[in-house]
Protein backbone atom coordinates (compact mmCIF):
# COMPACT_ATOMS: atom_id res chain seq x y z
CA MET A 1 16.43 174.04 93.29
CA MET A 2 16.62 174.07 89.70
CA GLY A 3 19.83 171.15 90.17
CA ARG A 4 17.08 169.24 91.99
CA THR A 5 13.54 169.54 90.14
CA LEU A 6 15.42 169.07 86.83
CA ARG A 7 15.78 165.44 87.36
CA LEU A 8 11.93 165.43 86.22
CA PHE A 9 13.00 167.06 82.83
CA VAL A 10 15.95 165.29 81.64
CA GLY A 11 14.03 161.90 82.32
CA LEU A 12 16.00 158.59 83.25
CA GLY A 13 19.68 158.55 82.52
CA LEU A 14 22.84 157.10 83.69
CA THR A 15 24.07 158.95 86.41
CA LEU A 16 27.42 160.16 86.91
CA LEU A 17 28.76 158.46 89.76
CA ALA A 18 31.18 159.83 92.13
CA ALA A 19 34.56 160.16 91.59
CA PRO A 20 36.67 157.47 92.56
CA LEU A 21 39.36 157.46 95.29
CA ALA A 22 42.74 157.92 94.43
CA SER A 23 44.58 154.87 93.29
CA GLU A 24 47.73 153.67 91.89
CA ALA A 25 47.67 152.95 88.12
CA GLU A 26 47.95 148.98 86.88
CA THR A 27 51.00 150.41 84.35
CA PRO A 28 53.52 147.59 83.12
CA PRO A 29 57.00 148.53 84.02
CA GLY A 30 58.25 151.04 82.22
CA LYS A 31 55.07 151.57 80.17
CA VAL A 32 54.32 155.37 78.98
CA TRP A 33 51.02 155.97 77.98
CA ARG A 34 50.27 158.44 75.05
CA ILE A 35 46.80 160.03 74.87
CA GLY A 36 45.89 162.68 72.19
CA LEU A 37 43.46 165.06 73.25
CA LEU A 38 41.58 166.33 69.95
CA SER A 39 39.79 169.52 70.63
CA SER A 40 37.82 171.96 68.64
CA ALA A 41 38.11 174.65 70.53
CA SER A 42 41.68 176.89 72.02
CA ALA A 43 43.91 175.76 74.94
CA ALA A 44 42.69 179.09 76.21
CA ALA A 45 38.99 178.39 76.49
CA TYR A 46 39.22 175.18 77.63
CA GLY A 47 42.24 175.34 80.25
CA ARG A 48 39.84 174.37 83.20
CA ARG A 49 38.56 171.45 81.67
CA VAL A 50 41.71 170.08 80.66
CA GLU A 51 43.12 170.76 83.82
CA ALA A 52 39.90 168.51 85.27
CA ILE A 53 40.80 165.47 83.12
CA ARG A 54 44.41 166.17 84.12
CA ARG A 55 43.77 165.91 88.07
CA GLY A 56 41.41 163.23 87.34
CA LEU A 57 44.39 161.11 85.71
CA GLY A 58 46.77 162.24 88.28
CA ASP A 59 44.31 160.82 90.94
CA LEU A 60 44.80 157.36 89.32
CA GLY A 61 47.97 157.55 89.35
CA TYR A 62 48.96 158.91 85.74
CA VAL A 63 51.04 161.54 85.92
CA GLU A 64 52.45 163.61 82.79
CA GLY A 65 56.49 163.06 82.19
CA THR A 66 56.32 160.15 84.50
CA ASN A 67 53.76 157.83 82.85
CA LEU A 68 51.82 159.75 80.90
CA VAL A 69 52.30 161.94 77.47
CA ILE A 70 49.64 164.02 76.47
CA GLU A 71 49.60 165.24 72.77
CA TYR A 72 47.48 168.26 72.31
CA ARG A 73 45.78 169.27 69.56
CA TRP A 74 43.98 172.54 69.31
CA ALA A 75 41.78 173.47 65.93
CA GLU A 76 40.55 176.87 67.62
CA GLY A 77 37.18 176.79 66.35
CA ARG A 78 38.52 176.11 62.89
CA TYR A 79 36.71 172.57 61.93
CA ALA A 80 38.39 171.40 58.92
CA ARG A 81 41.50 171.19 60.86
CA LEU A 82 40.13 168.25 62.83
CA ALA A 83 40.18 165.73 60.18
CA GLU A 84 44.28 166.63 59.71
CA PHE A 85 44.61 166.77 63.48
CA ALA A 86 43.20 163.07 64.10
CA ALA A 87 45.03 161.91 61.31
CA GLU A 88 48.47 162.80 62.90
CA LEU A 89 47.28 161.51 66.50
CA VAL A 90 46.92 158.28 64.64
CA ARG A 91 50.35 158.20 63.19
CA LEU A 92 51.84 159.18 66.44
CA LYS A 93 50.27 155.56 67.52
CA VAL A 94 48.76 157.15 70.60
CA ASP A 95 47.44 154.58 73.02
CA LEU A 96 43.92 156.47 73.41
CA ILE A 97 42.06 160.03 71.84
CA VAL A 98 40.34 162.08 74.35
CA THR A 99 37.73 164.38 72.40
CA HIS A 100 35.02 166.68 72.92
CA GLY A 101 31.94 167.99 70.95
CA THR A 102 30.25 166.41 68.01
CA PRO A 103 32.97 167.78 65.36
CA GLY A 104 35.84 166.65 67.20
CA SER A 105 34.33 163.31 67.94
CA LEU A 106 33.25 162.58 64.51
CA ALA A 107 36.62 163.30 63.21
CA ALA A 108 38.52 160.77 65.51
CA LYS A 109 35.93 158.43 64.49
CA ARG A 110 36.38 158.65 61.15
CA ALA A 111 40.25 158.53 61.69
CA THR A 112 40.29 155.26 63.29
CA THR A 113 38.67 152.09 64.30
CA THR A 114 41.11 150.72 66.61
CA ILE A 115 42.53 153.27 68.88
CA PRO A 116 39.92 153.70 71.84
CA ILE A 117 38.30 157.25 71.92
CA VAL A 118 37.09 158.81 74.99
CA MET A 119 34.34 160.94 74.72
CA ALA A 120 34.65 164.39 77.53
CA VAL A 121 31.58 165.47 76.48
CA THR A 122 29.81 165.22 73.42
CA GLY A 123 25.86 165.93 72.66
CA ASP A 124 22.99 163.59 70.96
CA VAL A 125 25.70 160.98 70.27
CA VAL A 126 23.20 158.56 68.79
CA THR A 127 21.33 160.64 66.59
CA THR A 128 24.84 162.00 65.21
CA GLY A 129 26.02 158.41 64.63
CA LEU A 130 28.73 158.30 66.86
CA VAL A 131 27.59 155.30 69.09
CA ALA A 132 24.90 152.56 68.16
CA SER A 133 23.50 152.92 71.61
CA LEU A 134 24.14 154.46 74.95
CA ALA A 135 24.03 151.11 76.65
CA ARG A 136 26.50 149.30 74.19
CA PRO A 137 27.91 151.92 71.90
CA GLY A 138 29.86 149.53 70.25
CA GLY A 139 32.78 150.17 67.97
CA ASN A 140 35.83 152.06 69.79
CA LEU A 141 34.01 155.25 71.27
CA THR A 142 32.66 155.72 75.05
CA GLY A 143 32.35 158.84 77.31
CA SER A 144 29.92 160.91 78.27
CA THR A 145 27.05 163.05 76.51
CA PHE A 146 24.04 165.13 77.99
CA PHE A 147 20.83 165.81 76.30
CA PHE A 148 21.56 168.61 73.98
CA PRO A 149 18.21 168.86 72.07
CA GLU A 150 16.61 169.16 75.34
CA ILE A 151 18.78 171.93 77.01
CA ASN A 152 18.53 174.14 74.39
CA ALA A 153 14.84 173.81 74.21
CA LYS A 154 14.94 174.27 77.81
CA ARG A 155 16.69 177.62 77.32
CA VAL A 156 14.29 179.02 74.84
CA GLU A 157 11.63 178.06 77.54
CA LEU A 158 13.63 180.00 80.63
CA LEU A 159 14.19 182.93 78.00
CA THR A 160 10.63 183.06 77.22
CA GLU A 161 9.55 182.86 80.99
CA THR A 162 12.46 185.84 81.71
CA LEU A 163 11.13 188.21 79.11
CA PRO A 164 7.30 187.59 78.83
CA SER A 165 6.65 190.42 76.41
CA ALA A 166 9.14 188.66 74.09
CA LYS A 167 7.59 187.95 70.52
CA ARG A 168 11.22 186.83 68.44
CA LEU A 169 13.98 185.03 69.82
CA ALA A 170 17.09 184.23 68.19
CA ALA A 171 18.99 181.09 68.26
CA LEU A 172 23.08 181.50 67.67
CA VAL A 173 24.53 178.40 65.81
CA ASN A 174 27.67 177.31 63.99
CA PRO A 175 25.95 175.30 60.52
CA ASP A 176 29.20 173.28 60.43
CA ASN A 177 28.39 171.88 64.27
CA PRO A 178 26.22 168.80 62.76
CA VAL A 179 24.31 168.37 66.20
CA HIS A 180 22.97 172.09 66.07
CA ALA A 181 20.25 171.18 62.97
CA THR A 182 19.02 168.81 65.85
CA ALA A 183 18.95 171.06 68.37
CA LEU A 184 17.48 173.68 66.27
CA LYS A 185 14.46 171.29 65.61
CA ALA A 186 13.82 170.73 69.28
CA MET A 187 14.39 174.81 69.85
CA GLU A 188 11.45 175.73 66.99
CA GLN A 189 9.11 173.19 68.59
CA MET A 190 9.47 174.65 72.21
CA ALA A 191 9.21 178.37 70.42
CA THR A 192 6.04 177.25 68.43
CA SER A 193 4.37 175.92 71.99
CA LEU A 194 5.19 179.02 73.68
CA ARG A 195 4.19 181.30 70.59
CA VAL A 196 7.15 182.91 70.02
CA ASP A 197 9.21 183.07 66.74
CA LEU A 198 12.66 181.98 66.79
CA GLN A 199 15.11 182.17 63.92
CA ALA A 200 18.35 181.18 63.66
CA ALA A 201 21.75 183.61 63.56
CA GLU A 202 24.68 181.64 61.93
CA ALA A 203 28.39 182.04 62.69
CA ARG A 204 31.15 179.61 61.53
CA ARG A 205 33.58 181.74 62.78
CA PRO A 206 34.60 184.56 65.50
CA ASP A 207 34.59 187.50 62.54
CA GLU A 208 31.08 186.39 61.56
CA LEU A 209 29.85 186.96 65.12
CA PRO A 210 29.05 190.73 64.38
CA GLY A 211 27.03 190.27 61.51
CA ALA A 212 25.16 187.55 63.67
CA PHE A 213 24.11 190.27 65.94
CA SER A 214 23.69 192.63 63.40
CA ALA A 215 21.01 190.64 61.74
CA MET A 216 19.24 189.86 64.91
CA VAL A 217 18.59 193.70 65.44
CA ARG A 218 17.12 193.99 62.10
CA ARG A 219 14.79 191.32 63.02
CA GLN A 220 14.01 193.19 66.10
CA THR A 221 14.92 190.27 68.34
CA ASP A 222 14.15 190.29 71.88
CA GLY A 223 16.65 187.77 72.98
CA VAL A 224 19.46 185.44 72.33
CA VAL A 225 19.97 181.70 72.98
CA VAL A 226 23.59 180.60 72.61
CA VAL A 227 23.86 177.00 71.72
CA ASP A 228 27.15 175.19 73.05
CA ASP A 229 29.61 174.88 70.20
CA ALA A 230 33.53 174.61 70.70
CA MET A 231 33.88 178.11 68.68
CA LEU A 232 31.08 179.50 70.19
CA ASN A 233 32.58 178.82 73.66
CA SER A 234 35.94 179.71 72.79
CA SER A 235 34.22 183.14 71.87
CA VAL A 236 32.12 183.79 74.75
CA ARG A 237 33.73 187.25 76.00
CA GLN A 238 32.81 188.32 72.18
CA VAL A 239 29.44 187.07 72.18
CA ALA A 240 28.50 188.20 75.78
CA ASP A 241 30.00 191.90 74.44
CA LEU A 242 28.07 191.80 71.53
CA ALA A 243 24.78 190.85 73.40
CA ALA A 244 25.32 193.92 75.70
CA LYS A 245 26.42 196.61 72.80
CA HIS A 246 22.70 195.46 70.82
CA ARG A 247 21.12 195.16 74.60
CA LEU A 248 19.97 191.95 74.13
CA PRO A 249 19.34 189.42 76.81
CA SER A 250 20.68 185.77 76.63
CA ILE A 251 21.10 182.37 77.70
CA GLY A 252 23.69 179.84 77.33
CA LEU A 253 26.41 178.03 79.13
CA ARG A 254 27.82 179.19 82.30
CA GLU A 255 30.88 180.67 81.05
CA LEU A 256 28.68 183.09 79.04
CA VAL A 257 26.90 184.54 82.40
CA ASP A 258 30.16 184.68 84.04
CA VAL A 259 31.42 187.35 81.66
CA GLY A 260 27.89 189.27 81.43
CA GLY A 261 25.36 187.19 79.65
CA LEU A 262 21.83 187.06 81.50
CA LEU A 263 21.01 183.27 82.14
CA ALA A 264 22.80 180.28 82.17
CA TYR A 265 21.60 176.83 82.05
CA GLY A 266 22.83 173.80 81.59
CA GLY A 267 26.09 171.54 83.15
CA GLY A 268 26.89 169.29 80.13
CA SER A 269 30.07 171.34 79.81
CA SER A 270 31.24 171.35 83.06
CA PRO A 271 34.69 170.41 84.53
CA GLU A 272 33.49 167.65 86.42
CA MET A 273 32.36 165.63 83.42
CA TRP A 274 35.83 165.99 81.99
CA ARG A 275 37.40 164.92 85.17
CA ARG A 276 34.67 161.80 84.68
CA ALA A 277 36.64 161.08 81.55
CA ALA A 278 39.89 159.90 83.35
CA VAL A 279 38.04 157.09 84.77
CA PHE A 280 37.04 155.94 81.40
CA VAL A 281 40.74 156.15 80.39
CA ASP A 282 41.78 154.29 83.35
CA LYS A 283 39.21 151.60 82.60
CA ILE A 284 40.28 151.18 78.88
CA PHE A 285 44.09 151.11 80.17
CA LYS A 286 43.19 148.11 82.55
CA GLY A 287 41.86 146.30 79.53
CA ALA A 288 37.92 147.43 79.24
CA ASN A 289 36.66 147.35 75.77
CA PRO A 290 35.31 150.66 75.12
CA GLY A 291 32.54 149.66 73.05
CA GLU A 292 31.19 147.64 75.92
CA LEU A 293 31.66 150.51 78.53
CA PRO A 294 27.98 152.66 78.51
CA ILE A 295 27.64 155.99 77.76
CA GLU A 296 27.16 157.91 80.87
CA GLN A 297 24.37 161.33 80.92
CA ALA A 298 24.63 164.17 82.76
CA THR A 299 21.37 164.55 84.84
CA ARG A 300 22.00 167.46 86.97
CA PHE A 301 21.73 171.09 85.31
CA GLU A 302 21.50 174.33 86.81
CA LEU A 303 20.25 178.04 86.32
CA VAL A 304 22.00 180.69 86.93
CA ILE A 305 21.28 184.55 86.74
CA ASN A 306 23.22 187.24 86.75
CA LEU A 307 21.40 190.26 88.29
CA MET A 308 23.89 192.89 87.11
CA THR A 309 23.40 192.45 83.55
CA ALA A 310 19.84 192.27 84.41
CA LYS A 311 20.06 195.72 85.84
CA THR A 312 22.19 197.17 83.04
CA LEU A 313 19.51 195.89 80.94
CA GLY A 314 16.82 197.59 82.69
CA LEU A 315 15.05 194.33 83.46
CA THR A 316 13.29 192.94 86.37
CA ILE A 317 13.62 188.84 86.70
CA PRO A 318 10.19 187.16 87.28
CA PRO A 319 9.73 186.20 90.96
CA ALA A 320 9.20 182.24 89.67
CA VAL A 321 12.54 182.50 87.80
CA LEU A 322 14.13 184.08 90.51
CA ALA A 323 13.28 181.32 92.69
CA ARG A 324 14.40 178.30 90.28
CA ALA A 325 17.98 179.62 90.14
CA ASP A 326 20.66 177.67 91.70
CA GLU A 327 23.06 180.80 91.67
CA LEU A 328 22.18 184.55 91.65
CA ILE A 329 25.28 186.67 90.43
CA GLN A 330 25.17 190.36 92.52
C-alpha cells in the first residue's frame, strides 16, 4: 500500500509520535491560557483541522471557556492581512500563537521574537528561513512540517503515470506563497526527467482561478497538479469544478478528491497533524523552550483515487497505479 512504501521516498525524518493519553494540564490556580490562532485560510475550510487541535488540547486538560481562550484570526486567503492580524495578537499579549502554512508562519515570526509560535503544519521550514534546523529550530518557533517540494514532485510523477500519453501538465500555484517557488522547481525537475512539459498557472485569489484554468486549456494542458496553499485549499470545490468543466484530470490534497478531483496524494495537511500541535502547546505551557523542541515531520502519505471522476473523464486508471492506492472512491 502507498502509505507503507512511501517511507522509502520521503527518507529519514522525525516520525510523529502516538497521541498522548489524556492528562490534566499543569495550570497555575486561576490561570487562563490565551492562544492566538493565525490562519491564512477561512473558518469554514479549516473547521476540521481546528476541531482536531481543540480535541487535542481538551485531551490534555485545556478547555475553552474554562482555562483556555482562543483568539481566532482568519485571513481568508488574503495574505496581506496576516501581518496586521499577527500584530493584533501580539498586542493582545497571547501566551502562544498557532499558525499553519508558510505565509502565516512568516507573519507571526516577523511580529514577535518572544511569544512562542507552534506551526501546526508548514512546508519546507528551513529553506524559507522559518527555523535554523529541524533538530534545533532556535528562536521562538517549533511544530510540524512535511516534505513539501518532494510531495508535489511526486504528484507530477503520479499524474504522469495515470496519464501515460500526457505531454503537458500545469502546476496551479499561488505566487504570493513563498514556498511555492521551491515546490515548482522540484516539480519542473521531475517533469523534465519524465519528458513532460510543466508550466505554472498562477492564482492569487479565488476570482483568478477561472483565468488560470482558461490559460491551461489554451496551452492544451493534459492535467493539473494543485499545490497546497491556504487560498487554494479554501477554494478546493471551485478548483474541482473548474477542472471538471474543462475535463482536466487533477491531483492535490485529500479534500480535492473528495469534491471531484481525480487523485489525492499527501498527508501533510491532515487533522492528525493539527491535533499533534496541541502536544507542542502543552509542552511549552509546562516550561519547554520552543527553540529546543525538534520540528517533527510526517512520514506517512496516502494515495486516493476517485473512480467516479475517472469514469466521468473517460479514463482507465493503469493497474499499477490502482495497486498502489490506499483508498478508492467508488
